[in-house]
Amino acid sequence: MADIALLSLLFSSLTTIFGKVGIDNIEPNLGSAIRTCVVVIAAWLILFIKNDFKEFKNVDKSEIKFIVLSCITGDSSWLLYYQTLQDGITSAVAAIDKLSLLVTIILLYLMKK
């Protein structure tokens, strides 16, 4: 599990670096849209390769509601992230983004989750 977490850490860092380089000369909304298309294609491809698409019919409607809410907040986060990444100093933007861990802990505490 730790090795997967370390890979996630590496990919998160590379995401910031590649995003900064890629967003320099295009509108952040377009960059986010391109990123989202790639994620959608990759996610469905993995789902079909692993033959997990059959599980879709078993997903509870309340779970779908929260997944959709997660998508909306995640996409909003990326739209704003790309905007600040284009205009700001990469290390500062990444540091502020990582504060989401602290905010998550506080929100979970307040929600008693």
PDB file of N, CA and C in Angstrom:
ATOM      1  N   MET A   1       0.821  -1.195   0.000  1.00  0.00           N
ATOM      2  CA  MET A   1       0.000   0.000   0.000  1.00  0.00           C
ATOM      3  C   MET A   1       0.867   1.261   0.000  1.00  0.00           C
ATOM      4  N   ALA A   2       1.957   1.234   0.740  1.00  0.00           N
ATOM      5  CA  ALA A   2       2.841   2.408   0.794  1.00  0.00           C
ATOM      6  C   ALA A   2       3.444   2.695  -0.569  1.00  0.00           C
ATOM      7  N   ASP A   3       3.757   1.638  -1.333  1.00  0.00           N
ATOM      8  CA  ASP A   3       4.333   1.864  -2.656  1.00  0.00           C
ATOM      9  C   ASP A   3       3.333   2.537  -3.598  1.00  0.00           C
ATOM     10  N   ILE A   4       2.067   2.187  -3.470  1.00  0.00           N
ATOM     11  CA  ILE A   4       1.035   2.833  -4.277  1.00  0.00           C
ATOM     12  C   ILE A   4       0.873   4.289  -3.858  1.00  0.00           C
ATOM     13  N   ALA A   5       0.922   4.553  -2.556  1.00  0.00           N
ATOM     14  CA  ALA A   5       0.819   5.930  -2.064  1.00  0.00           C
ATOM     15  C   ALA A   5       2.003   6.764  -2.550  1.00  0.00           C
ATOM     16  N   LEU A   6       3.181   6.170  -2.588  1.00  0.00           N
ATOM     17  CA  LEU A   6       4.358   6.899  -3.074  1.00  0.00           C
ATOM     18  C   LEU A   6       4.243   7.191  -4.574  1.00  0.00           C
ATOM     19  N   LEU A   7       3.704   6.244  -5.330  1.00  0.00           N
ATOM     20  CA  LEU A   7       3.468   6.491  -6.753  1.00  0.00           C
ATOM     21  C   LEU A   7       2.451   7.611  -6.939  1.00  0.00           C
ATOM     22  N   SER A   8       1.420   7.620  -6.102  1.00  0.00           N
ATOM     23  CA  SER A   8       0.422   8.682  -6.151  1.00  0.00           C
ATOM     24  C   SER A   8       1.069  10.033  -5.871  1.00  0.00           C
ATOM     25  N   LEU A   9       1.957  10.064  -4.897  1.00  0.00           N
ATOM     26  CA  LEU A   9       2.685  11.288  -4.570  1.00  0.00           C
ATOM     27  C   LEU A   9       3.514  11.758  -5.760  1.00  0.00           C
ATOM     28  N   LEU A  10       4.214  10.841  -6.387  1.00  0.00           N
ATOM     29  CA  LEU A  10       5.030  11.174  -7.555  1.00  0.00           C
ATOM     30  C   LEU A  10       4.161  11.705  -8.694  1.00  0.00           C
ATOM     31  N   PHE A  11       3.072  11.004  -8.984  1.00  0.00           N
ATOM     32  CA  PHE A  11       2.192  11.429 -10.062  1.00  0.00           C
ATOM     33  C   PHE A  11       1.549  12.786  -9.767  1.00  0.00           C
ATOM     34  N   SER A  12       1.218  13.028  -8.510  1.00  0.00           N
ATOM     35  CA  SER A  12       0.662  14.322  -8.131  1.00  0.00           C
ATOM     36  C   SER A  12       1.664  15.441  -8.392  1.00  0.00           C
ATOM     37  N   SER A  13       2.914  15.198  -8.046  1.00  0.00           N
ATOM     38  CA  SER A  13       3.962  16.194  -8.296  1.00  0.00           C
ATOM     39  C   SER A  13       4.156  16.423  -9.789  1.00  0.00           C
ATOM     40  N   LEU A  14       4.199  15.348 -10.552  1.00  0.00           N
ATOM     41  CA  LEU A  14       4.367  15.474 -12.000  1.00  0.00           C
ATOM     42  C   LEU A  14       3.161  16.157 -12.643  1.00  0.00           C
ATOM     43  N   THR A  15       1.975  15.926 -12.085  1.00  0.00           N
ATOM     44  CA  THR A  15       0.771  16.578 -12.591  1.00  0.00           C
ATOM     45  C   THR A  15       0.910  18.092 -12.511  1.00  0.00           C
ATOM     46  N   THR A  16       1.425  18.566 -11.397  1.00  0.00           N
ATOM     47  CA  THR A  16       1.624  20.005 -11.226  1.00  0.00           C
ATOM     48  C   THR A  16       2.645  20.541 -12.220  1.00  0.00           C
ATOM     49  N   ILE A  17       3.752  19.847 -12.349  1.00  0.00           N
ATOM     50  CA  ILE A  17       4.812  20.302 -13.257  1.00  0.00           C
ATOM     51  C   ILE A  17       4.328  20.285 -14.706  1.00  0.00           C
ATOM     52  N   PHE A  18       3.746  19.166 -15.140  1.00  0.00           N
ATOM     53  CA  PHE A  18       3.265  19.066 -16.517  1.00  0.00           C
ATOM     54  C   PHE A  18       2.136  20.067 -16.774  1.00  0.00           C
ATOM     55  N   GLY A  19       1.276  20.254 -15.771  1.00  0.00           N
ATOM     56  CA  GLY A  19       0.189  21.210 -15.908  1.00  0.00           C
ATOM     57  C   GLY A  19       0.702  22.627 -16.091  1.00  0.00           C
ATOM     58  N   LYS A  20       1.714  22.998 -15.318  1.00  0.00           N
ATOM     59  CA  LYS A  20       2.293  24.340 -15.425  1.00  0.00           C
ATOM     60  C   LYS A  20       2.873  24.567 -16.819  1.00  0.00           C
ATOM     61  N   VAL A  21       3.610  23.588 -17.321  1.00  0.00           N
ATOM     62  CA  VAL A  21       4.205  23.712 -18.651  1.00  0.00           C
ATOM     63  C   VAL A  21       3.115  23.732 -19.722  1.00  0.00           C
ATOM     64  N   GLY A  22       2.116  22.892 -19.575  1.00  0.00           N
ATOM     65  CA  GLY A  22       1.076  22.770 -20.598  1.00  0.00           C
ATOM     66  C   GLY A  22       0.082  23.911 -20.619  1.00  0.00           C
ATOM     67  N   ILE A  23      -0.074  24.607 -19.520  1.00  0.00           N
ATOM     68  CA  ILE A  23      -1.104  25.637 -19.418  1.00  0.00           C
ATOM     69  C   ILE A  23      -0.590  27.026 -19.775  1.00  0.00           C
ATOM     70  N   ASP A  24       0.699  27.138 -20.054  1.00  0.00           N
ATOM     71  CA  ASP A  24       1.313  28.446 -20.281  1.00  0.00           C
ATOM     72  C   ASP A  24       0.634  29.279 -21.365  1.00  0.00           C
ATOM     73  N   ASN A  25       0.272  28.677 -22.474  1.00  0.00           N
ATOM     74  CA  ASN A  25      -0.220  29.452 -23.619  1.00  0.00           C
ATOM     75  C   ASN A  25      -1.641  29.123 -24.041  1.00  0.00           C
ATOM     76  N   ILE A  26      -2.407  28.465 -23.167  1.00  0.00           N
ATOM     77  CA  ILE A  26      -3.806  28.183 -23.502  1.00  0.00           C
ATOM     78  C   ILE A  26      -4.694  28.603 -22.340  1.00  0.00           C
ATOM     79  N   GLU A  27      -5.955  28.746 -22.621  1.00  0.00           N
ATOM     80  CA  GLU A  27      -6.910  29.100 -21.579  1.00  0.00           C
ATOM     81  C   GLU A  27      -6.999  27.957 -20.565  1.00  0.00           C
ATOM     82  N   PRO A  28      -7.008  28.277 -19.281  1.00  0.00           N
ATOM     83  CA  PRO A  28      -7.099  27.236 -18.258  1.00  0.00           C
ATOM     84  C   PRO A  28      -8.335  26.346 -18.406  1.00  0.00           C
ATOM     85  N   ASN A  29      -9.458  26.920 -18.831  1.00  0.00           N
ATOM     86  CA  ASN A  29     -10.664  26.107 -19.019  1.00  0.00           C
ATOM     87  C   ASN A  29     -10.467  25.060 -20.101  1.00  0.00           C
ATOM     88  N   LEU A  30      -9.781  25.432 -21.174  1.00  0.00           N
ATOM     89  CA  LEU A  30      -9.486  24.477 -22.237  1.00  0.00           C
ATOM     90  C   LEU A  30      -8.539  23.391 -21.721  1.00  0.00           C
ATOM     91  N   GLY A  31      -7.534  23.790 -20.968  1.00  0.00           N
ATOM     92  CA  GLY A  31      -6.614  22.809 -20.383  1.00  0.00           C
ATOM     93  C   GLY A  31      -7.336  21.831 -19.484  1.00  0.00           C
ATOM     94  N   SER A  32      -8.249  22.336 -18.673  1.00  0.00           N
ATOM     95  CA  SER A  32      -9.025  21.468 -17.791  1.00  0.00           C
ATOM     96  C   SER A  32      -9.937  20.541 -18.592  1.00  0.00           C
ATOM     97  N   ALA A  33     -10.516  21.048 -19.666  1.00  0.00           N
ATOM     98  CA  ALA A  33     -11.383  20.221 -20.509  1.00  0.00           C
ATOM     99  C   ALA A  33     -10.592  19.094 -21.174  1.00  0.00           C
ATOM    100  N   ILE A  34      -9.403  19.424 -21.667  1.00  0.00           N
ATOM    101  CA  ILE A  34      -8.543  18.395 -22.274  1.00  0.00           C
ATOM    102  C   ILE A  34      -8.187  17.339 -21.236  1.00  0.00           C
ATOM    103  N   ARG A  35      -7.783  17.798 -20.043  1.00  0.00           N
ATOM    104  CA  ARG A  35      -7.425  16.882 -18.962  1.00  0.00           C
ATOM    105  C   ARG A  35      -8.610  15.966 -18.624  1.00  0.00           C
ATOM    106  N   THR A  36      -9.805  16.549 -18.536  1.00  0.00           N
ATOM    107  CA  THR A  36     -10.988  15.775 -18.189  1.00  0.00           C
ATOM    108  C   THR A  36     -11.292  14.719 -19.250  1.00  0.00           C
ATOM    109  N   CYS A  37     -11.141  15.070 -20.511  1.00  0.00           N
ATOM    110  CA  CYS A  37     -11.370  14.094 -21.594  1.00  0.00           C
ATOM    111  C   CYS A  37     -10.411  12.913 -21.481  1.00  0.00           C
ATOM    112  N   VAL A  38      -9.155  13.208 -21.215  1.00  0.00           N
ATOM    113  CA  VAL A  38      -8.163  12.138 -21.070  1.00  0.00           C
ATOM    114  C   VAL A  38      -8.511  11.245 -19.879  1.00  0.00           C
ATOM    115  N   VAL A  39      -8.917  11.857 -18.775  1.00  0.00           N
ATOM    116  CA  VAL A  39      -9.281  11.085 -17.579  1.00  0.00           C
ATOM    117  C   VAL A  39     -10.487  10.189 -17.868  1.00  0.00           C
ATOM    118  N   VAL A  40     -11.488  10.727 -18.550  1.00  0.00           N
ATOM    119  CA  VAL A  40     -12.686   9.947 -18.872  1.00  0.00           C
ATOM    120  C   VAL A  40     -12.327   8.743 -19.740  1.00  0.00           C
ATOM    121  N   ILE A  41     -11.550   8.978 -20.774  1.00  0.00           N
ATOM    122  CA  ILE A  41     -11.152   7.881 -21.672  1.00  0.00           C
ATOM    123  C   ILE A  41     -10.338   6.831 -20.915  1.00  0.00           C
ATOM    124  N   ALA A  42      -9.380   7.282 -20.122  1.00  0.00           N
ATOM    125  CA  ALA A  42      -8.531   6.347 -19.371  1.00  0.00           C
ATOM    126  C   ALA A  42      -9.352   5.555 -18.358  1.00  0.00           C
ATOM    127  N   ALA A  43     -10.260   6.224 -17.660  1.00  0.00           N
ATOM    128  CA  ALA A  43     -11.058   5.536 -16.641  1.00  0.00           C
ATOM    129  C   ALA A  43     -11.936   4.450 -17.253  1.00  0.00           C
ATOM    130  N   TRP A  44     -12.605   4.771 -18.367  1.00  0.00           N
ATOM    131  CA  TRP A  44     -13.456   3.767 -19.009  1.00  0.00           C
ATOM    132  C   TRP A  44     -12.633   2.646 -19.633  1.00  0.00           C
ATOM    133  N   LEU A  45     -11.469   2.967 -20.163  1.00  0.00           N
ATOM    134  CA  LEU A  45     -10.593   1.949 -20.729  1.00  0.00           C
ATOM    135  C   LEU A  45     -10.153   0.959 -19.647  1.00  0.00           C
ATOM    136  N   ILE A  46      -9.739   1.486 -18.511  1.00  0.00           N
ATOM    137  CA  ILE A  46      -9.337   0.623 -17.392  1.00  0.00           C
ATOM    138  C   ILE A  46     -10.512  -0.218 -16.924  1.00  0.00           C
ATOM    139  N   LEU A  47     -11.692   0.390 -16.841  1.00  0.00           N
ATOM    140  CA  LEU A  47     -12.888  -0.326 -16.411  1.00  0.00           C
ATOM    141  C   LEU A  47     -13.165  -1.523 -17.318  1.00  0.00           C
ATOM    142  N   PHE A  48     -13.058  -1.318 -18.631  1.00  0.00           N
ATOM    143  CA  PHE A  48     -13.312  -2.405 -19.573  1.00  0.00           C
ATOM    144  C   PHE A  48     -12.183  -3.437 -19.577  1.00  0.00           C
ATOM    145  N   ILE A  49     -10.947  -2.995 -19.462  1.00  0.00           N
ATOM    146  CA  ILE A  49      -9.817  -3.930 -19.427  1.00  0.00           C
ATOM    147  C   ILE A  49      -9.930  -4.856 -18.214  1.00  0.00           C
ATOM    148  N   LYS A  50     -10.302  -4.298 -17.074  1.00  0.00           N
ATOM    149  CA  LYS A  50     -10.429  -5.092 -15.850  1.00  0.00           C
ATOM    150  C   LYS A  50     -11.774  -5.806 -15.755  1.00  0.00           C
ATOM    151  N   ASN A  51     -12.635  -5.553 -16.739  1.00  0.00           N
ATOM    152  CA  ASN A  51     -13.964  -6.180 -16.783  1.00  0.00           C
ATOM    153  C   ASN A  51     -14.811  -5.813 -15.559  1.00  0.00           C
ATOM    154  N   ASP A  52     -14.646  -4.597 -15.065  1.00  0.00           N
ATOM    155  CA  ASP A  52     -15.382  -4.134 -13.894  1.00  0.00           C
ATOM    156  C   ASP A  52     -16.666  -3.389 -14.238  1.00  0.00           C
ATOM    157  N   PHE A  53     -16.938  -3.196 -15.520  1.00  0.00           N
ATOM    158  CA  PHE A  53     -18.112  -2.421 -15.915  1.00  0.00           C
ATOM    159  C   PHE A  53     -19.415  -3.093 -15.522  1.00  0.00           C
ATOM    160  N   LYS A  54     -19.388  -4.400 -15.286  1.00  0.00           N
ATOM    161  CA  LYS A  54     -20.595  -5.128 -14.898  1.00  0.00           C
ATOM    162  C   LYS A  54     -21.102  -4.688 -13.532  1.00  0.00           C
ATOM    163  N   GLU A  55     -20.209  -4.138 -12.706  1.00  0.00           N
ATOM    164  CA  GLU A  55     -20.569  -3.690 -11.368  1.00  0.00           C
ATOM    165  C   GLU A  55     -21.413  -2.416 -11.390  1.00  0.00           C
ATOM    166  N   PHE A  56     -21.461  -1.736 -12.516  1.00  0.00           N
ATOM    167  CA  PHE A  56     -22.169  -0.462 -12.609  1.00  0.00           C
ATOM    168  C   PHE A  56     -23.632  -0.579 -12.185  1.00  0.00           C
ATOM    169  N   LYS A  57     -24.271  -1.677 -12.554  1.00  0.00           N
ATOM    170  CA  LYS A  57     -25.692  -1.857 -12.219  1.00  0.00           C
ATOM    171  C   LYS A  57     -25.926  -2.032 -10.726  1.00  0.00           C
ATOM    172  N   ASN A  58     -24.875  -2.352  -9.958  1.00  0.00           N
ATOM    173  CA  ASN A  58     -25.011  -2.568  -8.523  1.00  0.00           C
ATOM    174  C   ASN A  58     -24.722  -1.326  -7.685  1.00  0.00           C
ATOM    175  N   VAL A  59     -24.384  -0.237  -8.321  1.00  0.00           N
ATOM    176  CA  VAL A  59     -24.040   0.973  -7.579  1.00  0.00           C
ATOM    177  C   VAL A  59     -25.317   1.633  -7.069  1.00  0.00           C
ATOM    178  N   ASP A  60     -25.346   1.910  -5.785  1.00  0.00           N
ATOM    179  CA  ASP A  60     -26.496   2.542  -5.138  1.00  0.00           C
ATOM    180  C   ASP A  60     -26.652   3.988  -5.614  1.00  0.00           C
ATOM    181  N   LYS A  61     -27.894   4.447  -5.748  1.00  0.00           N
ATOM    182  CA  LYS A  61     -28.161   5.807  -6.233  1.00  0.00           C
ATOM    183  C   LYS A  61     -27.556   6.874  -5.323  1.00  0.00           C
ATOM    184  N   SER A  62     -27.538   6.637  -4.023  1.00  0.00           N
ATOM    185  CA  SER A  62     -26.954   7.642  -3.127  1.00  0.00           C
ATOM    186  C   SER A  62     -25.437   7.721  -3.326  1.00  0.00           C
ATOM    187  N   GLU A  63     -24.812   6.590  -3.656  1.00  0.00           N
ATOM    188  CA  GLU A  63     -23.386   6.618  -3.954  1.00  0.00           C
ATOM    189  C   GLU A  63     -23.118   7.398  -5.233  1.00  0.00           C
ATOM    190  N   ILE A  64     -23.965   7.218  -6.224  1.00  0.00           N
ATOM    191  CA  ILE A  64     -23.816   7.963  -7.477  1.00  0.00           C
ATOM    192  C   ILE A  64     -23.945   9.456  -7.214  1.00  0.00           C
ATOM    193  N   LYS A  65     -24.889   9.835  -6.348  1.00  0.00           N
ATOM    194  CA  LYS A  65     -25.079  11.247  -6.016  1.00  0.00           C
ATOM    195  C   LYS A  65     -23.786  11.840  -5.449  1.00  0.00           C
ATOM    196  N   PHE A  66     -23.145  11.122  -4.537  1.00  0.00           N
ATOM    197  CA  PHE A  66     -21.915  11.637  -3.943  1.00  0.00           C
ATOM    198  C   PHE A  66     -20.737  11.594  -4.915  1.00  0.00           C
ATOM    199  N   ILE A  67     -20.721  10.621  -5.804  1.00  0.00           N
ATOM    200  CA  ILE A  67     -19.678  10.580  -6.835  1.00  0.00           C
ATOM    201  C   ILE A  67     -19.841  11.783  -7.768  1.00  0.00           C
ATOM    202  N   VAL A  68     -21.072  12.100  -8.139  1.00  0.00           N
ATOM    203  CA  VAL A  68     -21.325  13.261  -8.993  1.00  0.00           C
ATOM    204  C   VAL A  68     -20.913  14.548  -8.278  1.00  0.00           C
ATOM    205  N   LEU A  69     -21.264  14.667  -6.998  1.00  0.00           N
ATOM    206  CA  LEU A  69     -20.840  15.838  -6.220  1.00  0.00           C
ATOM    207  C   LEU A  69     -19.317  15.927  -6.165  1.00  0.00           C
ATOM    208  N   SER A  70     -18.672  14.793  -6.003  1.00  0.00           N
ATOM    209  CA  SER A  70     -17.210  14.755  -6.000  1.00  0.00           C
ATOM    210  C   SER A  70     -16.651  15.214  -7.345  1.00  0.00           C
ATOM    211  N   CYS A  71     -17.294  14.811  -8.421  1.00  0.00           N
ATOM    212  CA  CYS A  71     -16.861  15.236  -9.761  1.00  0.00           C
ATOM    213  C   CYS A  71     -17.007  16.742  -9.935  1.00  0.00           C
ATOM    214  N   ILE A  72     -18.121  17.279  -9.484  1.00  0.00           N
ATOM    215  CA  ILE A  72     -18.355  18.720  -9.619  1.00  0.00           C
ATOM    216  C   ILE A  72     -17.316  19.504  -8.821  1.00  0.00           C
ATOM    217  N   THR A  73     -17.075  19.096  -7.580  1.00  0.00           N
ATOM    218  CA  THR A  73     -16.093  19.811  -6.768  1.00  0.00           C
ATOM    219  C   THR A  73     -14.681  19.577  -7.286  1.00  0.00           C
ATOM    220  N   GLY A  74     -14.402  18.375  -7.764  1.00  0.00           N
ATOM    221  CA  GLY A  74     -13.079  18.083  -8.320  1.00  0.00           C
ATOM    222  C   GLY A  74     -12.795  18.891  -9.578  1.00  0.00           C
ATOM    223  N   ASP A  75     -13.793  18.964 -10.469  1.00  0.00           N
ATOM    224  CA  ASP A  75     -13.613  19.751 -11.686  1.00  0.00           C
ATOM    225  C   ASP A  75     -13.481  21.239 -11.365  1.00  0.00           C
ATOM    226  N   SER A  76     -14.264  21.696 -10.399  1.00  0.00           N
ATOM    227  CA  SER A  76     -14.145  23.101  -9.974  1.00  0.00           C
ATOM    228  C   SER A  76     -12.752  23.372  -9.436  1.00  0.00           C
ATOM    229  N   SER A  77     -12.247  22.437  -8.656  1.00  0.00           N
ATOM    230  CA  SER A  77     -10.898  22.568  -8.106  1.00  0.00           C
ATOM    231  C   SER A  77      -9.860  22.658  -9.226  1.00  0.00           C
ATOM    232  N   TRP A  78      -9.988  21.806 -10.234  1.00  0.00           N
ATOM    233  CA  TRP A  78      -9.014  21.807 -11.328  1.00  0.00           C
ATOM    234  C   TRP A  78      -9.115  23.055 -12.193  1.00  0.00           C
ATOM    235  N   LEU A  79     -10.333  23.541 -12.409  1.00  0.00           N
ATOM    236  CA  LEU A  79     -10.478  24.786 -13.168  1.00  0.00           C
ATOM    237  C   LEU A  79      -9.751  25.927 -12.466  1.00  0.00           C
ATOM    238  N   LEU A  80      -9.959  26.029 -11.166  1.00  0.00           N
ATOM    239  CA  LEU A  80      -9.302  27.079 -10.380  1.00  0.00           C
ATOM    240  C   LEU A  80      -7.803  26.819 -10.256  1.00  0.00           C
ATOM    241  N   TYR A  81      -7.428  25.551 -10.123  1.00  0.00           N
ATOM    242  CA  TYR A  81      -6.015  25.187 -10.006  1.00  0.00           C
ATOM    243  C   TYR A  81      -5.247  25.593 -11.264  1.00  0.00           C
ATOM    244  N   TYR A  82      -5.803  25.269 -12.427  1.00  0.00           N
ATOM    245  CA  TYR A  82      -5.133  25.637 -13.677  1.00  0.00           C
ATOM    246  C   TYR A  82      -5.049  27.147 -13.850  1.00  0.00           C
ATOM    247  N   GLN A  83      -6.098  27.850 -13.427  1.00  0.00           N
ATOM    248  CA  GLN A  83      -6.072  29.307 -13.523  1.00  0.00           C
ATOM    249  C   GLN A  83      -4.951  29.874 -12.662  1.00  0.00           C
ATOM    250  N   THR A  84      -4.854  29.416 -11.417  1.00  0.00           N
ATOM    251  CA  THR A  84      -3.806  29.932 -10.535  1.00  0.00           C
ATOM    252  C   THR A  84      -2.433  29.430 -10.957  1.00  0.00           C
ATOM    253  N   LEU A  85      -2.375  28.231 -11.495  1.00  0.00           N
ATOM    254  CA  LEU A  85      -1.098  27.684 -11.953  1.00  0.00           C
ATOM    255  C   LEU A  85      -0.558  28.514 -13.115  1.00  0.00           C
ATOM    256  N   GLN A  86      -1.444  28.949 -13.990  1.00  0.00           N
ATOM    257  CA  GLN A  86      -1.021  29.755 -15.125  1.00  0.00           C
ATOM    258  C   GLN A  86      -0.496  31.117 -14.658  1.00  0.00           C
ATOM    259  N   ASP A  87      -1.139  31.689 -13.667  1.00  0.00           N
ATOM    260  CA  ASP A  87      -0.809  33.038 -13.228  1.00  0.00           C
ATOM    261  C   ASP A  87       0.201  33.094 -12.082  1.00  0.00           C
ATOM    262  N   GLY A  88       0.392  31.978 -11.379  1.00  0.00           N
ATOM    263  CA  GLY A  88       1.181  32.028 -10.155  1.00  0.00           C
ATOM    264  C   GLY A  88       2.481  31.262 -10.206  1.00  0.00           C
ATOM    265  N   ILE A  89       3.148  31.285  -9.086  1.00  0.00           N
ATOM    266  CA  ILE A  89       4.396  30.546  -8.906  1.00  0.00           C
ATOM    267  C   ILE A  89       4.030  29.095  -8.577  1.00  0.00           C
ATOM    268  N   THR A  90       4.578  28.181  -9.332  1.00  0.00           N
ATOM    269  CA  THR A  90       4.201  26.769  -9.223  1.00  0.00           C
ATOM    270  C   THR A  90       4.317  26.249  -7.800  1.00  0.00           C
ATOM    271  N   SER A  91       5.422  26.529  -7.124  1.00  0.00           N
ATOM    272  CA  SER A  91       5.611  25.998  -5.762  1.00  0.00           C
ATOM    273  C   SER A  91       4.575  26.556  -4.795  1.00  0.00           C
ATOM    274  N   ALA A  92       4.196  27.810  -4.959  1.00  0.00           N
ATOM    275  CA  ALA A  92       3.189  28.409  -4.079  1.00  0.00           C
ATOM    276  C   ALA A  92       1.811  27.813  -4.338  1.00  0.00           C
ATOM    277  N   VAL A  93       1.473  27.639  -5.607  1.00  0.00           N
ATOM    278  CA  VAL A  93       0.181  27.061  -5.965  1.00  0.00           C
ATOM    279  C   VAL A  93       0.087  25.629  -5.442  1.00  0.00           C
ATOM    280  N   ALA A  94       1.141  24.848  -5.628  1.00  0.00           N
ATOM    281  CA  ALA A  94       1.151  23.459  -5.160  1.00  0.00           C
ATOM    282  C   ALA A  94       1.040  23.398  -3.638  1.00  0.00           C
ATOM    283  N   ALA A  95       1.725  24.284  -2.948  1.00  0.00           N
ATOM    284  CA  ALA A  95       1.683  24.299  -1.476  1.00  0.00           C
ATOM    285  C   ALA A  95       0.278  24.616  -0.978  1.00  0.00           C
ATOM    286  N   ILE A  96      -0.350  25.597  -1.584  1.00  0.00           N
ATOM    287  CA  ILE A  96      -1.717  25.941  -1.184  1.00  0.00           C
ATOM    288  C   ILE A  96      -2.663  24.782  -1.477  1.00  0.00           C
ATOM    289  N   ASP A  97      -2.492  24.151  -2.629  1.00  0.00           N
ATOM    290  CA  ASP A  97      -3.330  23.011  -2.997  1.00  0.00           C
ATOM    291  C   ASP A  97      -3.195  21.882  -1.974  1.00  0.00           C
ATOM    292  N   LYS A  98      -1.996  21.670  -1.472  1.00  0.00           N
ATOM    293  CA  LYS A  98      -1.772  20.577  -0.517  1.00  0.00           C
ATOM    294  C   LYS A  98      -2.393  20.867   0.850  1.00  0.00           C
ATOM    295  N   LEU A  99      -2.749  22.118   1.097  1.00  0.00           N
ATOM    296  CA  LEU A  99      -3.467  22.440   2.335  1.00  0.00           C
ATOM    297  C   LEU A  99      -4.846  21.787   2.357  1.00  0.00           C
ATOM    298  N   SER A 100      -5.276  21.267   1.216  1.00  0.00           N
ATOM    299  CA  SER A 100      -6.572  20.597   1.172  1.00  0.00           C
ATOM    300  C   SER A 100      -6.615  19.423   2.148  1.00  0.00           C
ATOM    301  N   LEU A 101      -5.473  18.835   2.459  1.00  0.00           N
ATOM    302  CA  LEU A 101      -5.435  17.759   3.452  1.00  0.00           C
ATOM    303  C   LEU A 101      -5.930  18.262   4.803  1.00  0.00           C
ATOM    304  N   LEU A 102      -5.437  19.396   5.222  1.00  0.00           N
ATOM    305  CA  LEU A 102      -5.863  19.982   6.496  1.00  0.00           C
ATOM    306  C   LEU A 102      -7.344  20.335   6.460  1.00  0.00           C
ATOM    307  N   VAL A 103      -7.791  20.939   5.377  1.00  0.00           N
ATOM    308  CA  VAL A 103      -9.203  21.296   5.249  1.00  0.00           C
ATOM    309  C   VAL A 103     -10.072  20.038   5.259  1.00  0.00           C
ATOM    310  N   THR A 104      -9.606  18.983   4.605  1.00  0.00           N
ATOM    311  CA  THR A 104     -10.343  17.716   4.598  1.00  0.00           C
ATOM    312  C   THR A 104     -10.495  17.167   6.007  1.00  0.00           C
ATOM    313  N   ILE A 105      -9.426  17.183   6.773  1.00  0.00           N
ATOM    314  CA  ILE A 105      -9.481  16.685   8.153  1.00  0.00           C
ATOM    315  C   ILE A 105     -10.469  17.499   8.977  1.00  0.00           C
ATOM    316  N   ILE A 106     -10.436  18.805   8.832  1.00  0.00           N
ATOM    317  CA  ILE A 106     -11.367  19.669   9.577  1.00  0.00           C
ATOM    318  C   ILE A 106     -12.797  19.402   9.157  1.00  0.00           C
ATOM    319  N   LEU A 107     -13.052  19.320   7.857  1.00  0.00           N
ATOM    320  CA  LEU A 107     -14.414  19.057   7.384  1.00  0.00           C
ATOM    321  C   LEU A 107     -14.912  17.689   7.830  1.00  0.00           C
ATOM    322  N   LEU A 108     -14.054  16.682   7.780  1.00  0.00           N
ATOM    323  CA  LEU A 108     -14.455  15.349   8.246  1.00  0.00           C
ATOM    324  C   LEU A 108     -14.805  15.380   9.731  1.00  0.00           C
ATOM    325  N   TYR A 109     -14.036  16.094  10.499  1.00  0.00           N
ATOM    326  CA  TYR A 109     -14.322  16.230  11.927  1.00  0.00           C
ATOM    327  C   TYR A 109     -15.682  16.903  12.133  1.00  0.00           C
ATOM    328  N   LEU A 110     -15.915  17.982  11.409  1.00  0.00           N
ATOM    329  CA  LEU A 110     -17.172  18.711  11.549  1.00  0.00           C
ATOM    330  C   LEU A 110     -18.370  17.874  11.087  1.00  0.00           C
ATOM    331  N   MET A 111     -18.148  17.020  10.107  1.00  0.00           N
ATOM    332  CA  MET A 111     -19.209  16.158   9.590  1.00  0.00           C
ATOM    333  C   MET A 111     -19.313  14.845  10.367  1.00  0.00           C
ATOM    334  N   LYS A 112     -18.394  14.641  11.286  1.00  0.00           N
ATOM    335  CA  LYS A 112     -18.370  13.413  12.117  1.00  0.00           C
ATOM    336  C   LYS A 112     -18.225  12.161  11.296  1.00  0.00           C
ATOM    337  N   LYS A 113     -17.362  12.230  10.253  1.00  0.00           N
ATOM    338  CA  LYS A 113     -17.122  11.073   9.392  1.00  0.00           C
ATOM    339  C   LYS A 113     -15.817  10.470   9.778  1.00  0.00           C
TER     340      LYS A 113
END
